[in-house]
Amino acid sequence: QNRADAAARDRDVAGFGAVGEAVGRWLRDERIERSGPIVTVYHLIPRRSAEAYRRAATRAAAAAGLRIIVTGPYPAYAFADNW
């Protein structure tokens, strides 16, 4: 139970729920990395959806008062197993 609770807390990014809902239709996978106050959220989406995803994420973040930077598309390195 403790491990599951810790994993759930790691996936919870304060205020990001609205962005997740706005882009959820395109999400195939998600990875989250934290470094101090900076949170990096990697979303695996279909390449053809990149522009619609970018518009939806930017709009939702602005409405939620979040500062985000949307980059990509890039190769899906964040979703590859470590060697």
PDB file of N, CA and C in Angstrom:
ATOM      1  N   GLN A   1       0.826  -1.198   0.000  1.00  0.00           N
ATOM      2  CA  GLN A   1       0.000   0.000   0.000  1.00  0.00           C
ATOM      3  C   GLN A   1       0.867   1.257   0.000  1.00  0.00           C
ATOM      4  N   ASN A   2       1.914   1.296   0.812  1.00  0.00           N
ATOM      5  CA  ASN A   2       2.762   2.478   0.879  1.00  0.00           C
ATOM      6  C   ASN A   2       3.431   2.785  -0.455  1.00  0.00           C
ATOM      7  N   ARG A   3       3.889   1.752  -1.151  1.00  0.00           N
ATOM      8  CA  ARG A   3       4.531   1.939  -2.451  1.00  0.00           C
ATOM      9  C   ARG A   3       3.522   2.484  -3.463  1.00  0.00           C
ATOM     10  N   ALA A   4       2.317   1.964  -3.449  1.00  0.00           N
ATOM     11  CA  ALA A   4       1.280   2.446  -4.357  1.00  0.00           C
ATOM     12  C   ALA A   4       0.918   3.895  -4.048  1.00  0.00           C
ATOM     13  N   ASP A   5       0.832   4.231  -2.751  1.00  0.00           N
ATOM     14  CA  ASP A   5       0.533   5.610  -2.359  1.00  0.00           C
ATOM     15  C   ASP A   5       1.637   6.557  -2.817  1.00  0.00           C
ATOM     16  N   ALA A   6       2.886   6.151  -2.659  1.00  0.00           N
ATOM     17  CA  ALA A   6       4.016   6.985  -3.072  1.00  0.00           C
ATOM     18  C   ALA A   6       4.007   7.187  -4.592  1.00  0.00           C
ATOM     19  N   ALA A   7       3.705   6.137  -5.326  1.00  0.00           N
ATOM     20  CA  ALA A   7       3.651   6.245  -6.788  1.00  0.00           C
ATOM     21  C   ALA A   7       2.538   7.190  -7.221  1.00  0.00           C
ATOM     22  N   ALA A   8       1.399   7.117  -6.562  1.00  0.00           N
ATOM     23  CA  ALA A   8       0.279   8.010  -6.879  1.00  0.00           C
ATOM     24  C   ALA A   8       0.658   9.461  -6.588  1.00  0.00           C
ATOM     25  N   ARG A   9       1.352   9.701  -5.474  1.00  0.00           N
ATOM     26  CA  ARG A   9       1.784  11.066  -5.142  1.00  0.00           C
ATOM     27  C   ARG A   9       2.779  11.582  -6.177  1.00  0.00           C
ATOM     28  N   ASP A  10       3.663  10.728  -6.651  1.00  0.00           N
ATOM     29  CA  ASP A  10       4.641  11.143  -7.662  1.00  0.00           C
ATOM     30  C   ASP A  10       3.973  11.546  -8.967  1.00  0.00           C
ATOM     31  N   ARG A  11       2.854  10.914  -9.282  1.00  0.00           N
ATOM     32  CA  ARG A  11       2.140  11.227 -10.519  1.00  0.00           C
ATOM     33  C   ARG A  11       1.261  12.471 -10.385  1.00  0.00           C
ATOM     34  N   ASP A  12       0.998  12.899  -9.159  1.00  0.00           N
ATOM     35  CA  ASP A  12       0.128  14.045  -8.935  1.00  0.00           C
ATOM     36  C   ASP A  12       0.926  15.342  -9.072  1.00  0.00           C
ATOM     37  N   VAL A  13       0.581  16.145 -10.057  1.00  0.00           N
ATOM     38  CA  VAL A  13       1.216  17.437 -10.274  1.00  0.00           C
ATOM     39  C   VAL A  13       0.166  18.494  -9.967  1.00  0.00           C
ATOM     40  N   ALA A  14       0.404  19.266  -8.922  1.00  0.00           N
ATOM     41  CA  ALA A  14      -0.570  20.252  -8.458  1.00  0.00           C
ATOM     42  C   ALA A  14      -1.008  21.178  -9.591  1.00  0.00           C
ATOM     43  N   GLY A  15      -2.305  21.291  -9.780  1.00  0.00           N
ATOM     44  CA  GLY A  15      -2.866  22.188 -10.778  1.00  0.00           C
ATOM     45  C   GLY A  15      -2.849  21.678 -12.203  1.00  0.00           C
ATOM     46  N   PHE A  16      -2.267  20.499 -12.439  1.00  0.00           N
ATOM     47  CA  PHE A  16      -2.106  20.000 -13.802  1.00  0.00           C
ATOM     48  C   PHE A  16      -3.306  19.202 -14.297  1.00  0.00           C
ATOM     49  N   GLY A  17      -4.259  18.935 -13.424  1.00  0.00           N
ATOM     50  CA  GLY A  17      -5.410  18.121 -13.797  1.00  0.00           C
ATOM     51  C   GLY A  17      -6.168  18.646 -14.997  1.00  0.00           C
ATOM     52  N   ALA A  18      -6.360  19.969 -15.059  1.00  0.00           N
ATOM     53  CA  ALA A  18      -7.093  20.559 -16.183  1.00  0.00           C
ATOM     54  C   ALA A  18      -6.361  20.347 -17.499  1.00  0.00           C
ATOM     55  N   VAL A  19      -5.034  20.404 -17.454  1.00  0.00           N
ATOM     56  CA  VAL A  19      -4.256  20.169 -18.676  1.00  0.00           C
ATOM     57  C   VAL A  19      -4.390  18.708 -19.090  1.00  0.00           C
ATOM     58  N   GLY A  20      -4.271  17.808 -18.119  1.00  0.00           N
ATOM     59  CA  GLY A  20      -4.426  16.385 -18.412  1.00  0.00           C
ATOM     60  C   GLY A  20      -5.774  16.057 -19.026  1.00  0.00           C
ATOM     61  N   GLU A  21      -6.821  16.686 -18.505  1.00  0.00           N
ATOM     62  CA  GLU A  21      -8.160  16.469 -19.068  1.00  0.00           C
ATOM     63  C   GLU A  21      -8.254  17.016 -20.487  1.00  0.00           C
ATOM     64  N   ALA A  22      -7.635  18.169 -20.725  1.00  0.00           N
ATOM     65  CA  ALA A  22      -7.719  18.796 -22.053  1.00  0.00           C
ATOM     66  C   ALA A  22      -7.005  17.991 -23.129  1.00  0.00           C
ATOM     67  N   VAL A  23      -5.944  17.273 -22.755  1.00  0.00           N
ATOM     68  CA  VAL A  23      -5.157  16.535 -23.754  1.00  0.00           C
ATOM     69  C   VAL A  23      -5.342  15.025 -23.661  1.00  0.00           C
ATOM     70  N   GLY A  24      -6.176  14.585 -22.758  1.00  0.00           N
ATOM     71  CA  GLY A  24      -6.344  13.156 -22.491  1.00  0.00           C
ATOM     72  C   GLY A  24      -6.701  12.321 -23.696  1.00  0.00           C
ATOM     73  N   ARG A  25      -7.427  12.875 -24.626  1.00  0.00           N
ATOM     74  CA  ARG A  25      -7.837  12.080 -25.803  1.00  0.00           C
ATOM     75  C   ARG A  25      -6.657  11.632 -26.645  1.00  0.00           C
ATOM     76  N   TRP A  26      -5.532  12.355 -26.551  1.00  0.00           N
ATOM     77  CA  TRP A  26      -4.357  12.007 -27.352  1.00  0.00           C
ATOM     78  C   TRP A  26      -3.321  11.186 -26.596  1.00  0.00           C
ATOM     79  N   LEU A  27      -3.415  11.117 -25.286  1.00  0.00           N
ATOM     80  CA  LEU A  27      -2.380  10.458 -24.481  1.00  0.00           C
ATOM     81  C   LEU A  27      -2.348   8.952 -24.689  1.00  0.00           C
ATOM     82  N   ARG A  28      -1.146   8.445 -24.937  1.00  0.00           N
ATOM     83  CA  ARG A  28      -0.919   7.012 -24.994  1.00  0.00           C
ATOM     84  C   ARG A  28      -0.152   6.556 -23.763  1.00  0.00           C
ATOM     85  N   ASP A  29       0.669   7.467 -23.210  1.00  0.00           N
ATOM     86  CA  ASP A  29       1.434   7.175 -21.992  1.00  0.00           C
ATOM     87  C   ASP A  29       1.917   8.493 -21.413  1.00  0.00           C
ATOM     88  N   GLU A  30       2.312   8.445 -20.132  1.00  0.00           N
ATOM     89  CA  GLU A  30       2.785   9.641 -19.447  1.00  0.00           C
ATOM     90  C   GLU A  30       3.918   9.258 -18.502  1.00  0.00           C
ATOM     91  N   ARG A  31       4.956  10.094 -18.456  1.00  0.00           N
ATOM     92  CA  ARG A  31       6.062   9.941 -17.516  1.00  0.00           C
ATOM     93  C   ARG A  31       6.262  11.298 -16.845  1.00  0.00           C
ATOM     94  N   ILE A  32       6.566  11.266 -15.549  1.00  0.00           N
ATOM     95  CA  ILE A  32       6.759  12.501 -14.795  1.00  0.00           C
ATOM     96  C   ILE A  32       8.110  12.445 -14.103  1.00  0.00           C
ATOM     97  N   GLU A  33       8.888  13.522 -14.235  1.00  0.00           N
ATOM     98  CA  GLU A  33      10.178  13.656 -13.558  1.00  0.00           C
ATOM     99  C   GLU A  33      10.156  14.943 -12.756  1.00  0.00           C
ATOM    100  N   ARG A  34      10.702  14.885 -11.552  1.00  0.00           N
ATOM    101  CA  ARG A  34      10.772  16.063 -10.685  1.00  0.00           C
ATOM    102  C   ARG A  34      12.228  16.388 -10.387  1.00  0.00           C
ATOM    103  N   SER A  35      12.520  17.690 -10.389  1.00  0.00           N
ATOM    104  CA  SER A  35      13.837  18.185 -10.010  1.00  0.00           C
ATOM    105  C   SER A  35      13.603  19.482  -9.248  1.00  0.00           C
ATOM    106  N   GLY A  36      13.539  19.371  -7.925  1.00  0.00           N
ATOM    107  CA  GLY A  36      13.213  20.542  -7.109  1.00  0.00           C
ATOM    108  C   GLY A  36      11.831  21.036  -7.472  1.00  0.00           C
ATOM    109  N   PRO A  37      11.697  22.332  -7.757  1.00  0.00           N
ATOM    110  CA  PRO A  37      10.373  22.878  -8.073  1.00  0.00           C
ATOM    111  C   PRO A  37       9.943  22.657  -9.527  1.00  0.00           C
ATOM    112  N   ILE A  38      10.841  22.092 -10.342  1.00  0.00           N
ATOM    113  CA  ILE A  38      10.547  21.880 -11.760  1.00  0.00           C
ATOM    114  C   ILE A  38       9.987  20.479 -11.955  1.00  0.00           C
ATOM    115  N   VAL A  39       8.865  20.400 -12.660  1.00  0.00           N
ATOM    116  CA  VAL A  39       8.257  19.119 -12.989  1.00  0.00           C
ATOM    117  C   VAL A  39       8.238  18.992 -14.508  1.00  0.00           C
ATOM    118  N   THR A  40       8.768  17.886 -15.007  1.00  0.00           N
ATOM    119  CA  THR A  40       8.728  17.610 -16.440  1.00  0.00           C
ATOM    120  C   THR A  40       7.725  16.491 -16.658  1.00  0.00           C
ATOM    121  N   VAL A  41       6.738  16.770 -17.510  1.00  0.00           N
ATOM    122  CA  VAL A  41       5.711  15.786 -17.833  1.00  0.00           C
ATOM    123  C   VAL A  41       5.893  15.414 -19.297  1.00  0.00           C
ATOM    124  N   TYR A  42       6.210  14.147 -19.535  1.00  0.00           N
ATOM    125  CA  TYR A  42       6.351  13.639 -20.898  1.00  0.00           C
ATOM    126  C   TYR A  42       5.040  12.978 -21.301  1.00  0.00           C
ATOM    127  N   HIS A  43       4.514  13.370 -22.435  1.00  0.00           N
ATOM    128  CA  HIS A  43       3.303  12.746 -22.961  1.00  0.00           C
ATOM    129  C   HIS A  43       3.627  12.088 -24.293  1.00  0.00           C
ATOM    130  N   LEU A  44       3.268  10.846 -24.403  1.00  0.00           N
ATOM    131  CA  LEU A  44       3.400  10.120 -25.656  1.00  0.00           C
ATOM    132  C   LEU A  44       2.071  10.264 -26.389  1.00  0.00           C
ATOM    133  N   ILE A  45       2.116  10.904 -27.554  1.00  0.00           N
ATOM    134  CA  ILE A  45       0.902  11.159 -28.337  1.00  0.00           C
ATOM    135  C   ILE A  45       1.182  10.803 -29.797  1.00  0.00           C
ATOM    136  N   PRO A  46       0.138  10.614 -30.587  1.00  0.00           N
ATOM    137  CA  PRO A  46       0.353  10.405 -32.021  1.00  0.00           C
ATOM    138  C   PRO A  46       0.954  11.675 -32.642  1.00  0.00           C
ATOM    139  N   ARG A  47       1.961  11.525 -33.463  1.00  0.00           N
ATOM    140  CA  ARG A  47       2.632  12.684 -34.070  1.00  0.00           C
ATOM    141  C   ARG A  47       1.641  13.583 -34.816  1.00  0.00           C
ATOM    142  N   ARG A  48       0.685  13.014 -35.482  1.00  0.00           N
ATOM    143  CA  ARG A  48      -0.261  13.814 -36.258  1.00  0.00           C
ATOM    144  C   ARG A  48      -1.152  14.692 -35.376  1.00  0.00           C
ATOM    145  N   SER A  49      -1.176  14.428 -34.072  1.00  0.00           N
ATOM    146  CA  SER A  49      -1.991  15.205 -33.140  1.00  0.00           C
ATOM    147  C   SER A  49      -1.208  16.302 -32.433  1.00  0.00           C
ATOM    148  N   ALA A  50       0.062  16.472 -32.791  1.00  0.00           N
ATOM    149  CA  ALA A  50       0.944  17.375 -32.040  1.00  0.00           C
ATOM    150  C   ALA A  50       0.422  18.807 -31.973  1.00  0.00           C
ATOM    151  N   GLU A  51      -0.051  19.348 -33.069  1.00  0.00           N
ATOM    152  CA  GLU A  51      -0.485  20.748 -33.054  1.00  0.00           C
ATOM    153  C   GLU A  51      -1.777  20.932 -32.258  1.00  0.00           C
ATOM    154  N   ALA A  52      -2.719  20.032 -32.422  1.00  0.00           N
ATOM    155  CA  ALA A  52      -3.963  20.110 -31.640  1.00  0.00           C
ATOM    156  C   ALA A  52      -3.664  19.936 -30.149  1.00  0.00           C
ATOM    157  N   TYR A  53      -2.762  19.015 -29.826  1.00  0.00           N
ATOM    158  CA  TYR A  53      -2.331  18.801 -28.448  1.00  0.00           C
ATOM    159  C   TYR A  53      -1.720  20.084 -27.885  1.00  0.00           C
ATOM    160  N   ARG A  54      -0.823  20.701 -28.637  1.00  0.00           N
ATOM    161  CA  ARG A  54      -0.148  21.924 -28.200  1.00  0.00           C
ATOM    162  C   ARG A  54      -1.166  23.031 -27.907  1.00  0.00           C
ATOM    163  N   ARG A  55      -2.114  23.221 -28.798  1.00  0.00           N
ATOM    164  CA  ARG A  55      -3.142  24.255 -28.587  1.00  0.00           C
ATOM    165  C   ARG A  55      -3.967  23.973 -27.338  1.00  0.00           C
ATOM    166  N   ALA A  56      -4.404  22.728 -27.178  1.00  0.00           N
ATOM    167  CA  ALA A  56      -5.238  22.366 -26.029  1.00  0.00           C
ATOM    168  C   ALA A  56      -4.467  22.496 -24.719  1.00  0.00           C
ATOM    169  N   ALA A  57      -3.218  22.044 -24.687  1.00  0.00           N
ATOM    170  CA  ALA A  57      -2.407  22.115 -23.465  1.00  0.00           C
ATOM    171  C   ALA A  57      -2.137  23.565 -23.079  1.00  0.00           C
ATOM    172  N   THR A  58      -1.786  24.376 -24.055  1.00  0.00           N
ATOM    173  CA  THR A  58      -1.484  25.786 -23.794  1.00  0.00           C
ATOM    174  C   THR A  58      -2.710  26.524 -23.285  1.00  0.00           C
ATOM    175  N   ARG A  59      -3.832  26.284 -23.909  1.00  0.00           N
ATOM    176  CA  ARG A  59      -5.085  26.939 -23.506  1.00  0.00           C
ATOM    177  C   ARG A  59      -5.481  26.523 -22.088  1.00  0.00           C
ATOM    178  N   ALA A  60      -5.412  25.231 -21.795  1.00  0.00           N
ATOM    179  CA  ALA A  60      -5.803  24.737 -20.470  1.00  0.00           C
ATOM    180  C   ALA A  60      -4.852  25.239 -19.380  1.00  0.00           C
ATOM    181  N   ALA A  61      -3.556  25.276 -19.676  1.00  0.00           N
ATOM    182  CA  ALA A  61      -2.590  25.765 -18.695  1.00  0.00           C
ATOM    183  C   ALA A  61      -2.821  27.240 -18.393  1.00  0.00           C
ATOM    184  N   ALA A  62      -3.064  28.031 -19.418  1.00  0.00           N
ATOM    185  CA  ALA A  62      -3.321  29.462 -19.213  1.00  0.00           C
ATOM    186  C   ALA A  62      -4.565  29.658 -18.347  1.00  0.00           C
ATOM    187  N   ALA A  63      -5.617  28.893 -18.618  1.00  0.00           N
ATOM    188  CA  ALA A  63      -6.853  28.999 -17.837  1.00  0.00           C
ATOM    189  C   ALA A  63      -6.631  28.598 -16.385  1.00  0.00           C
ATOM    190  N   ALA A  64      -5.697  27.670 -16.141  1.00  0.00           N
ATOM    191  CA  ALA A  64      -5.405  27.201 -14.785  1.00  0.00           C
ATOM    192  C   ALA A  64      -4.343  28.053 -14.088  1.00  0.00           C
ATOM    193  N   GLY A  65      -3.779  29.031 -14.813  1.00  0.00           N
ATOM    194  CA  GLY A  65      -2.748  29.870 -14.238  1.00  0.00           C
ATOM    195  C   GLY A  65      -1.398  29.190 -14.112  1.00  0.00           C
ATOM    196  N   LEU A  66      -1.155  28.183 -14.949  1.00  0.00           N
ATOM    197  CA  LEU A  66       0.118  27.460 -14.932  1.00  0.00           C
ATOM    198  C   LEU A  66       1.052  27.999 -15.996  1.00  0.00           C
ATOM    199  N   ARG A  67       2.324  27.942 -15.707  1.00  0.00           N
ATOM    200  CA  ARG A  67       3.345  28.290 -16.694  1.00  0.00           C
ATOM    201  C   ARG A  67       3.911  26.987 -17.231  1.00  0.00           C
ATOM    202  N   ILE A  68       3.697  26.731 -18.505  1.00  0.00           N
ATOM    203  CA  ILE A  68       4.221  25.508 -19.116  1.00  0.00           C
ATOM    204  C   ILE A  68       4.975  25.861 -20.388  1.00  0.00           C
ATOM    205  N   ILE A  69       5.840  24.955 -20.771  1.00  0.00           N
ATOM    206  CA  ILE A  69       6.541  25.027 -22.054  1.00  0.00           C
ATOM    207  C   ILE A  69       6.262  23.708 -22.756  1.00  0.00           C
ATOM    208  N   VAL A  70       5.644  23.774 -23.908  1.00  0.00           N
ATOM    209  CA  VAL A  70       5.346  22.567 -24.683  1.00  0.00           C
ATOM    210  C   VAL A  70       6.408  22.445 -25.765  1.00  0.00           C
ATOM    211  N   THR A  71       7.101  21.304 -25.794  1.00  0.00           N
ATOM    212  CA  THR A  71       8.138  21.074 -26.793  1.00  0.00           C
ATOM    213  C   THR A  71       7.814  19.809 -27.575  1.00  0.00           C
ATOM    214  N   GLY A  72       8.561  19.598 -28.617  1.00  0.00           N
ATOM    215  CA  GLY A  72       8.402  18.379 -29.387  1.00  0.00           C
ATOM    216  C   GLY A  72       7.641  18.644 -30.673  1.00  0.00           C
ATOM    217  N   PRO A  73       7.385  17.642 -31.423  1.00  0.00           N
ATOM    218  CA  PRO A  73       7.573  16.232 -31.083  1.00  0.00           C
ATOM    219  C   PRO A  73       9.036  15.807 -31.172  1.00  0.00           C
ATOM    220  N   TYR A  74       9.376  14.872 -30.311  1.00  0.00           N
ATOM    221  CA  TYR A  74      10.699  14.274 -30.239  1.00  0.00           C
ATOM    222  C   TYR A  74      10.553  12.758 -30.254  1.00  0.00           C
ATOM    223  N   PRO A  75      11.627  12.047 -30.554  1.00  0.00           N
ATOM    224  CA  PRO A  75      11.567  10.588 -30.413  1.00  0.00           C
ATOM    225  C   PRO A  75      11.178  10.220 -28.981  1.00  0.00           C
ATOM    226  N   ALA A  76      10.558   9.103 -28.812  1.00  0.00           N
ATOM    227  CA  ALA A  76       9.966   8.712 -27.523  1.00  0.00           C
ATOM    228  C   ALA A  76      10.984   8.131 -26.550  1.00  0.00           C
ATOM    229  N   TYR A  77      12.130   8.776 -26.378  1.00  0.00           N
ATOM    230  CA  TYR A  77      13.175   8.275 -25.481  1.00  0.00           C
ATOM    231  C   TYR A  77      12.696   8.121 -24.038  1.00  0.00           C
ATOM    232  N   ALA A  78      11.854   9.019 -23.574  1.00  0.00           N
ATOM    233  CA  ALA A  78      11.400   8.968 -22.181  1.00  0.00           C
ATOM    234  C   ALA A  78      10.595   7.692 -21.895  1.00  0.00           C
ATOM    235  N   PHE A  79      10.136   7.019 -22.938  1.00  0.00           N
ATOM    236  CA  PHE A  79       9.308   5.836 -22.764  1.00  0.00           C
ATOM    237  C   PHE A  79      10.037   4.538 -23.063  1.00  0.00           C
ATOM    238  N   ALA A  80      11.328   4.646 -23.406  1.00  0.00           N
ATOM    239  CA  ALA A  80      12.136   3.459 -23.670  1.00  0.00           C
ATOM    240  C   ALA A  80      12.692   2.916 -22.359  1.00  0.00           C
ATOM    241  N   ASP A  81      12.859   1.616 -22.280  1.00  0.00           N
ATOM    242  CA  ASP A  81      13.487   1.028 -21.097  1.00  0.00           C
ATOM    243  C   ASP A  81      14.935   1.465 -21.010  1.00  0.00           C
ATOM    244  N   ASN A  82      15.404   1.644 -19.783  1.00  0.00           N
ATOM    245  CA  ASN A  82      16.828   1.981 -19.589  1.00  0.00           C
ATOM    246  C   ASN A  82      17.669   0.754 -19.903  1.00  0.00           C
ATOM    247  N   TRP A  83      18.817   0.968 -20.465  1.00  0.00           N
ATOM    248  CA  TRP A  83      19.684  -0.132 -20.862  1.00  0.00           C
ATOM    249  C   TRP A  83      20.572  -0.465 -19.770  1.00  0.00           C
TER     250      TRP A  83
END
